[in-house]
Protein backbone atom coordinates (compact mmCIF):
# COMPACT_ATOMS: atom_id res chain seq x y z
CA MET A 1 -203.84 -43.76 114.78
CA ALA A 2 -205.95 -42.43 117.79
CA GLY A 3 -208.48 -45.46 117.78
CA GLY A 4 -211.79 -45.22 119.09
CA SER A 5 -210.82 -47.87 121.88
CA GLU A 6 -209.87 -44.92 124.07
CA ILE A 7 -213.10 -42.85 123.62
CA PHE A 8 -215.31 -45.56 125.08
CA TYR A 9 -213.01 -47.42 127.07
CA GLY A 10 -210.87 -45.02 128.48
CA GLY A 11 -214.13 -42.90 129.95
CA ILE A 12 -215.50 -45.59 131.97
CA PRO A 13 -214.63 -44.63 135.40
CA VAL A 14 -212.09 -47.11 137.54
CA PHE A 15 -213.46 -48.55 140.71
CA ARG A 16 -211.58 -49.93 143.29
CA GLY A 17 -212.84 -52.58 145.91
CA PHE A 18 -213.37 -56.31 144.50
CA ALA A 19 -216.64 -56.47 146.28
CA ARG A 20 -218.60 -53.96 144.26
CA LEU A 21 -217.87 -56.00 140.91
CA MET A 22 -221.33 -56.91 140.85
CA ASP A 23 -222.87 -53.37 140.93
CA PRO A 24 -225.06 -52.80 137.62
CA ALA A 25 -224.22 -49.08 137.84
CA LEU A 26 -219.89 -49.87 137.03
CA TYR A 27 -220.98 -51.34 133.70
CA ALA A 28 -220.99 -49.73 130.57
CA PRO A 29 -222.73 -51.32 127.53
CA LEU A 30 -220.50 -51.79 124.73
CA PRO A 31 -221.17 -49.53 121.50
CA ASP A 32 -223.24 -51.10 118.45
CA ASP A 33 -220.35 -50.95 116.06
CA TRP A 34 -217.57 -52.69 118.08
CA THR A 35 -216.69 -56.52 117.69
CA VAL A 36 -215.72 -59.10 120.53
CA GLY A 37 -212.99 -61.36 120.00
CA VAL A 38 -213.12 -64.67 122.05
CA ALA A 39 -210.54 -67.48 121.69
CA ASP A 40 -209.77 -70.98 123.50
CA ILE A 41 -207.46 -73.99 123.09
CA VAL A 42 -209.14 -76.86 121.55
CA GLU A 43 -209.06 -80.05 124.17
CA SER A 44 -207.19 -77.83 126.52
CA THR A 45 -208.38 -80.71 129.02
CA LYS A 46 -206.21 -83.07 127.02
CA ALA A 47 -203.01 -80.81 127.15
CA ILE A 48 -203.38 -80.26 130.79
CA ALA A 49 -203.50 -83.85 131.46
CA ALA A 50 -199.96 -84.18 129.54
CA GLN A 51 -198.85 -81.80 131.91
CA ARG A 52 -198.56 -78.63 129.31
CA TYR A 53 -199.91 -75.83 131.81
CA LYS A 54 -197.55 -73.49 130.88
CA ALA A 55 -198.15 -74.06 127.18
CA VAL A 56 -201.95 -73.71 127.44
CA ASN A 57 -201.25 -70.20 129.51
CA MET A 58 -199.00 -68.86 127.20
CA ALA A 59 -201.59 -69.62 124.45
CA GLY A 60 -204.14 -67.43 125.83
CA ALA A 61 -201.91 -64.80 127.21
CA ALA A 62 -200.59 -64.59 123.30
CA VAL A 63 -204.16 -63.59 122.50
CA VAL A 64 -204.29 -60.10 124.74
CA ALA A 65 -200.41 -59.55 124.05
CA ALA A 66 -200.86 -60.10 120.26
CA VAL A 67 -203.90 -57.85 120.19
CA THR A 68 -202.44 -55.11 122.47
CA ASN A 69 -199.18 -54.47 120.32
CA ALA A 70 -201.23 -54.75 117.14
CA LEU A 71 -203.10 -51.98 118.73
CA GLU A 72 -200.15 -50.01 119.55
CA GLY A 73 -200.75 -50.30 123.29
CA ARG A 74 -203.97 -48.60 123.28
CA GLU A 75 -206.12 -49.58 125.76
CA PHE A 76 -209.00 -51.88 125.21
CA PRO A 77 -211.10 -54.20 127.26
CA PHE A 78 -209.99 -57.71 127.80
CA VAL A 79 -209.84 -60.59 130.19
CA PHE A 80 -207.57 -63.56 130.47
CA GLY A 81 -209.28 -66.85 130.80
CA GLY A 82 -206.58 -69.46 131.38
CA ASP A 83 -207.08 -71.29 128.08
CA GLY A 84 -207.83 -68.51 126.18
CA ALA A 85 -209.18 -64.88 126.45
CA SER A 86 -211.93 -62.64 125.34
CA PHE A 87 -211.65 -58.63 124.21
CA ALA A 88 -213.71 -55.86 122.49
CA VAL A 89 -212.74 -53.71 120.17
CA ALA A 90 -213.58 -50.68 118.34
CA PRO A 91 -214.45 -50.46 114.20
CA ALA A 92 -211.12 -48.72 113.50
CA ASP A 93 -208.99 -51.62 115.27
CA LEU A 94 -210.82 -54.71 114.12
CA ASP A 95 -208.44 -55.35 111.05
CA ARG A 96 -205.71 -54.93 113.21
CA ALA A 97 -207.34 -57.30 115.65
CA ARG A 98 -208.15 -59.86 113.37
CA GLU A 99 -204.49 -60.11 111.65
CA ALA A 100 -203.01 -60.66 115.09
CA LEU A 101 -205.73 -63.54 115.78
CA ALA A 102 -204.61 -64.83 113.03
CA ALA A 103 -201.12 -64.50 113.35
CA THR A 104 -201.47 -66.16 117.10
CA ALA A 105 -203.59 -68.82 115.86
CA ARG A 106 -200.93 -69.92 113.52
CA TRP A 107 -197.97 -69.23 115.86
CA VAL A 108 -199.88 -71.51 118.73
CA HIS A 109 -200.66 -74.32 116.10
CA ASP A 110 -197.10 -74.07 114.61
CA ASP A 111 -195.04 -72.98 117.94
CA LEU A 112 -196.73 -75.11 120.86
CA ASP A 113 -198.39 -77.52 119.00
CA LEU A 114 -201.82 -76.51 120.25
CA VAL A 115 -205.32 -75.37 118.32
CA LEU A 116 -206.27 -71.88 118.72
CA ARG A 117 -209.77 -71.56 118.02
CA VAL A 118 -210.89 -67.88 117.22
CA ALA A 119 -213.90 -65.72 116.26
CA LEU A 120 -214.80 -62.26 116.15
CA VAL A 121 -218.86 -61.73 116.60
CA PRO A 122 -220.19 -58.76 116.27
CA MET A 123 -222.30 -56.69 118.80
CA ALA A 124 -225.08 -56.52 116.38
CA ALA A 125 -225.01 -60.54 116.20
CA ILE A 126 -224.50 -60.29 120.19
CA ARG A 127 -227.76 -57.92 120.70
CA ALA A 128 -229.91 -59.58 117.72
CA ALA A 129 -229.71 -63.03 119.98
CA GLY A 130 -231.17 -61.26 123.60
CA ALA A 131 -227.58 -60.97 124.82
CA ASP A 132 -225.55 -57.83 125.96
CA VAL A 133 -221.82 -56.80 126.82
CA ARG A 134 -221.53 -54.37 129.31
CA VAL A 135 -217.79 -53.39 130.26
CA ALA A 136 -216.51 -52.08 133.74
CA ARG A 137 -212.87 -51.27 134.47
CA PHE A 138 -211.49 -52.43 138.22
CA GLY A 139 -208.40 -51.11 139.55
CA PRO A 140 -206.44 -53.98 141.65
CA SER A 141 -203.99 -51.28 142.29
CA ALA A 142 -202.60 -47.50 141.22
CA ASN A 143 -200.71 -48.84 138.30
CA LEU A 144 -203.41 -50.34 136.15
CA SER A 145 -207.08 -51.49 135.43
CA TYR A 146 -208.43 -54.39 133.57
CA ALA A 147 -211.84 -55.00 132.04
CA MET A 148 -215.10 -56.78 133.77
CA PHE A 149 -217.73 -58.21 131.54
CA SER A 150 -221.45 -58.82 132.19
CA GLY A 151 -224.75 -59.27 130.16
CA GLY A 152 -224.34 -62.69 128.83
CA GLY A 153 -222.60 -61.23 125.50
CA LEU A 154 -219.26 -63.38 125.92
CA ALA A 155 -221.02 -66.52 126.77
CA TYR A 156 -223.31 -66.05 123.68
CA ALA A 157 -219.74 -65.33 121.65
CA ASP A 158 -218.01 -68.27 123.09
CA ALA A 159 -220.97 -70.61 122.19
CA ALA A 160 -220.97 -69.02 118.60
CA MET A 161 -217.17 -70.09 118.27
CA LYS A 162 -217.71 -73.46 119.42
CA ARG A 163 -220.12 -73.98 117.13
CA GLY A 164 -218.34 -72.65 114.02
CA ALA A 165 -219.68 -69.40 113.79
CA PHE A 166 -217.82 -66.12 112.87
CA ALA A 167 -214.59 -68.01 112.73
CA VAL A 168 -210.88 -66.42 111.77
CA ASP A 169 -208.90 -68.62 110.22
CA PRO A 170 -204.99 -68.96 111.00
CA ALA A 171 -202.61 -66.72 109.00
CA PRO A 172 -200.60 -68.46 106.31
CA GLN A 173 -197.97 -70.68 107.46
CA GLY A 174 -194.87 -68.67 109.02
CA THR A 175 -196.71 -65.61 110.16
CA GLN A 176 -195.83 -64.46 113.30
CA PRO A 177 -197.76 -62.37 115.75
CA ASP A 178 -196.05 -59.71 117.55
CA LEU A 179 -195.54 -61.26 121.29
CA SER A 180 -193.25 -58.39 122.53
CA GLY A 181 -193.82 -58.32 126.41
CA LEU A 182 -194.57 -61.75 126.86
CA SER A 183 -192.61 -64.00 128.84
CA CYS A 184 -193.53 -66.81 131.70
CA ARG A 185 -190.22 -66.87 133.58
CA PHE A 186 -191.30 -66.89 137.03
CA GLU A 187 -191.35 -70.18 139.17
CA VAL A 188 -194.56 -71.84 139.97
CA MET A 189 -196.11 -70.24 143.66
CA PRO A 190 -196.47 -73.02 146.00
CA SER A 191 -199.85 -72.52 148.19
CA ALA A 192 -198.84 -70.58 152.03
CA ARG A 193 -202.27 -71.27 153.33
CA GLY A 194 -203.06 -74.96 152.50
CA LEU A 195 -204.27 -75.15 148.85
CA ILE A 196 -204.38 -73.12 145.31
CA LEU A 197 -208.64 -73.05 144.62
CA SER A 198 -209.69 -72.47 141.40
CA VAL A 199 -213.00 -70.89 141.08
CA LEU A 200 -215.47 -70.81 138.37
CA VAL A 201 -218.97 -69.81 139.02
CA LEU A 202 -221.75 -68.87 136.39
CA PRO A 203 -225.48 -68.36 136.39
CA ALA A 204 -227.59 -71.16 136.01
CA LYS A 205 -229.99 -71.20 133.02
CA ASN A 206 -233.03 -68.69 133.83
CA ALA A 207 -231.50 -67.74 136.93
CA ASP A 208 -232.84 -64.73 138.47
CA PRO A 209 -230.43 -61.94 138.29
CA ALA A 210 -230.81 -60.61 141.69
CA SER A 211 -230.08 -64.27 143.51
CA PHE A 212 -226.94 -64.93 141.19
CA ARG A 213 -225.86 -61.34 142.28
CA LYS A 214 -226.36 -62.14 145.68
CA VAL A 215 -224.43 -65.31 145.67
CA ILE A 216 -221.89 -63.75 144.10
CA GLU A 217 -221.49 -60.99 146.63
CA ASP A 218 -221.64 -63.25 149.33
CA ILE A 219 -218.64 -65.66 147.92
CA VAL A 220 -216.46 -62.02 147.41
CA VAL A 221 -217.49 -61.11 150.73
CA ARG A 222 -216.37 -63.85 152.59
CA ILE A 223 -213.07 -64.18 150.67
CA GLU A 224 -212.39 -60.78 151.39
CA ASN A 225 -213.02 -60.34 155.06
CA SER A 226 -211.16 -63.72 155.69
CA PRO A 227 -207.79 -64.13 156.67
CA ASP A 228 -207.89 -68.15 155.59
CA ALA A 229 -207.92 -66.78 151.88
CA GLY A 230 -205.52 -64.05 149.97
CA ARG A 231 -203.82 -63.44 146.97
CA PRO A 232 -201.53 -66.62 145.30
CA VAL A 233 -198.62 -64.31 144.83
CA PRO A 234 -196.08 -63.96 147.73
CA ALA A 235 -195.95 -60.71 148.97
CA SER A 236 -191.92 -60.86 148.40
CA GLY A 237 -193.08 -61.28 144.67
CA PRO A 238 -192.96 -65.01 142.72
CA PRO A 239 -189.40 -66.79 142.79
CA LEU A 240 -187.42 -66.69 140.36
CA HIS A 241 -184.67 -69.19 139.48
CA TRP A 242 -182.10 -69.61 136.80
CA PRO A 243 -182.42 -70.65 134.01
CA PRO A 244 -185.97 -69.88 133.92
CA GLN A 245 -188.64 -72.59 133.15
CA GLY A 246 -190.62 -70.91 130.63
CA MET A 247 -187.19 -69.68 128.39
CA GLU A 248 -188.20 -72.16 125.26
CA TYR A 249 -191.58 -70.35 125.16
CA GLU A 250 -190.53 -66.84 125.29
CA ALA A 251 -187.60 -67.89 122.58
CA ARG A 252 -190.60 -69.10 120.11
CA ALA A 253 -192.37 -66.31 120.78
CA ARG A 254 -190.09 -63.60 119.64
CA ARG A 255 -189.59 -62.83 116.18
CA GLY A 256 -186.64 -63.11 113.65
CA GLY A 257 -183.91 -65.28 113.47
CA PRO A 258 -183.57 -69.24 113.64
CA LEU A 259 -184.71 -70.33 117.28
CA ALA A 260 -181.11 -71.54 117.97
CA LEU A 261 -180.42 -68.10 117.93
CA ARG A 262 -183.32 -66.47 119.52
CA ARG A 263 -183.11 -69.04 122.65
CA ALA A 264 -179.63 -67.66 123.19
CA VAL A 265 -180.61 -63.89 123.11
CA VAL A 266 -183.46 -64.80 125.63
CA LEU A 267 -181.03 -66.79 127.89
CA THR A 268 -178.50 -63.95 127.86
CA PHE A 269 -181.16 -61.40 128.55
CA ALA A 270 -182.48 -63.46 131.01
CA LEU A 271 -179.63 -64.15 133.08
CA TRP A 272 -179.02 -60.39 132.98
CA ALA A 273 -182.61 -59.66 134.55
CA TYR A 274 -182.41 -62.46 136.70
CA THR A 275 -178.51 -61.00 138.13
CA LEU A 276 -180.48 -57.12 138.57
CA MET A 277 -183.24 -58.83 140.33
CA ARG A 278 -181.34 -61.37 142.56
CA PHE A 279 -178.70 -58.83 144.06
CA ASN A 280 -181.35 -55.91 143.64
CA ILE A 281 -179.35 -53.68 141.08
CA PRO A 282 -181.26 -51.05 139.71
CA VAL A 283 -179.98 -49.61 136.32
CA GLY A 284 -181.19 -45.97 135.28
CA LYS A 285 -184.85 -46.09 136.47
CA PHE A 286 -185.61 -49.58 136.98
CA ALA A 287 -185.69 -50.70 140.45
CA PRO A 288 -185.80 -54.34 140.86
CA LYS A 289 -187.79 -53.94 144.17
CA ARG A 290 -190.11 -51.58 143.34
CA TYR A 291 -190.83 -53.76 140.17
CA LEU A 292 -191.51 -56.77 142.16
CA GLN A 293 -193.94 -55.05 144.00
CA GLN A 294 -195.53 -53.95 141.44
CA VAL A 295 -195.55 -57.46 139.88
CA VAL A 296 -197.85 -58.48 142.92
CA GLU A 297 -199.91 -55.73 143.24
CA ASN A 298 -201.01 -56.24 139.47
CA SER A 299 -201.37 -59.86 139.35
CA ASP A 300 -204.92 -60.61 137.69
CA PHE A 301 -206.16 -63.65 140.07
CA ARG A 302 -209.65 -62.44 139.99
CA LYS A 303 -212.24 -61.31 137.66
CA PHE A 304 -215.94 -61.40 136.49
CA ASP A 305 -216.72 -61.95 133.07
CA ASP A 306 -220.36 -62.98 132.98
CA GLY A 307 -219.11 -65.61 135.82
CA LEU A 308 -216.83 -65.10 138.43
CA ARG A 309 -213.17 -66.62 138.26
CA MET A 310 -210.69 -66.70 141.20
CA ILE A 311 -207.41 -67.76 142.06
CA LEU A 312 -207.01 -68.19 145.54
CA ASP A 313 -204.29 -69.07 148.11
CA CYS A 314 -206.64 -70.36 150.92
CA THR A 315 -206.98 -73.07 153.63
CA PRO A 316 -209.21 -76.18 153.01
CA GLU A 317 -211.74 -75.08 155.86
CA LEU A 318 -212.40 -72.16 153.52
CA ALA A 319 -212.57 -74.41 150.45
CA ALA A 320 -214.80 -76.74 151.97
CA ASP A 321 -217.35 -73.71 152.97
CA ILE A 322 -216.99 -71.82 149.81
CA GLU A 323 -217.75 -75.35 147.94
CA GLN A 324 -221.00 -75.32 150.62
CA ARG A 325 -222.27 -72.08 149.82
CA LEU A 326 -222.12 -73.00 146.11
CA ALA A 327 -223.46 -76.40 146.32
CA ALA A 328 -226.78 -75.26 148.10
CA ALA A 329 -226.84 -72.14 145.40
CA ALA A 330 -227.03 -74.81 142.45
CA ALA A 331 -229.36 -76.98 144.25
CA GLN A 332 -231.63 -73.89 144.27
CA GLY A 333 -230.66 -73.31 140.40
CA ILE A 334 -228.94 -70.13 141.01
CA VAL A 335 -225.47 -70.94 139.94
CA ARG A 336 -223.26 -73.62 137.92
CA TYR A 337 -219.80 -74.04 139.35
CA GLY A 338 -216.57 -75.68 139.42
CA LEU A 339 -213.65 -75.75 141.57
CA HIS A 340 -210.17 -77.00 141.66
CA GLU A 341 -207.48 -77.69 144.22
CA GLU A 342 -204.35 -77.95 143.24
CA ASP A 343 -200.72 -77.45 145.46
CA ALA A 344 -199.49 -74.01 143.69
CA ALA A 345 -200.30 -71.49 141.07
CA MET A 346 -198.50 -70.11 138.06
CA MET A 347 -198.20 -66.58 136.11
CA THR A 348 -197.57 -65.56 132.73
CA CYS A 349 -196.26 -62.22 132.25
CA PHE A 350 -197.27 -59.19 129.99
CA THR A 351 -194.73 -56.45 130.28
CA PRO A 352 -194.23 -54.06 127.39
CA SER A 353 -192.04 -52.04 129.46
CA VAL A 354 -190.16 -52.69 132.51
CA MET A 355 -189.87 -48.90 133.06
CA ARG A 356 -193.82 -48.29 132.99
CA ALA A 357 -195.86 -49.49 135.96
CA ASP A 358 -198.97 -50.98 133.91
CA HIS A 359 -197.41 -54.33 133.07
CA VAL A 360 -199.88 -57.09 134.16
CA HIS A 361 -199.39 -61.10 135.37
CA PHE A 362 -202.01 -63.45 134.81
CA ILE A 363 -202.47 -66.09 137.30
CA ASP A 364 -203.81 -69.61 137.13
CA GLY A 365 -203.28 -72.85 138.89
CA ALA A 366 -200.40 -74.77 138.23
CA ARG A 367 -201.54 -78.17 137.86
CA GLY A 368 -205.03 -77.35 135.81
CA GLY A 369 -206.36 -74.15 137.44
CA TYR A 370 -209.40 -72.44 135.31
CA ALA A 371 -209.52 -74.86 132.33
CA SER A 372 -209.98 -77.99 135.07
CA ALA A 373 -212.61 -76.13 137.09
CA ALA A 374 -214.71 -75.59 133.76
CA THR A 375 -214.30 -79.67 133.09
CA VAL A 376 -215.74 -80.25 136.72
CA LEU A 377 -218.44 -77.43 135.74
CA LYS A 378 -219.18 -79.18 132.71
CA ALA A 379 -219.27 -82.59 134.44
CA ARG A 380 -221.96 -81.39 137.18
CA ALA A 381 -224.28 -80.10 134.05
CA VAL A 382 -224.51 -83.69 132.31
């Protein structure tokens, strides 16, 4: 089935150069008959306090993996938020997306011991509330693109979900989503410049859009032009050790058979993959060095979804400069923001096929990341 997803989303031109992200001309309005999906972990702050960072990130990435697999790989706009994810689907894909969300909520509860709250919000409801969803496509590399969202519609959908509207109930016990390609084998990535900074910047209530755009563009240009900040993924690729620290989550994400058997299968396959990567052994068309380069290029460490989200490896001085600029903008009633400093970043991977270049790698802070930055933002609002 050739869904409507590609008709709209596939027709949006890909832009390069992250500093252009606030250009309104890049964003196309979501069709009226589409639906926005939102998901987040309930009480993620408590899970992070219990040092369950990988479980929280695995749950958020599972939403993207499950919906992608349910749509048989067709392109659709999505964004990973650390402790959750948001996306949009065409009418032809809605039922499959609903089933994938319900199954993922069940899996997160049963296998990760977390509660994933999910909702599907019609565009008609979002526009009736005076918000909008506009979508752009950013290409971090020649290999793939991913979505940026503006218009306030995702924020509306998230708030609606949190008050219990448009909820999708978990599937019956034992239901397993298709999470093929979801893994988290790489080790955490220590900062090379001093610290890992998680950045979350949202518009203040009733903020002037032009002023908000200027603040975001200023922050992004400062970072882009500075030698003191960059991608939190090492140029040679993230570290990979044996046994992989994410093995248990990957085993639980597999379908079929007892958990002990799934653990054995994952461990065996991971050992084979580790050997190929460690000794740079090509197999057929798979070249480990090329794959690692794609991992670096495809790392999703910056995005816009009604607000700016970034995971940066930067110096303490630049982090202080960013906070000073944001504090001034907050005092002027332009932004709300949260920053969180830590010593390392982590990666959760979605690789449907190592033979394709469009695998995507979600980056978050290794000790709280986006969720901790959001906690700081909320505390400031009190």
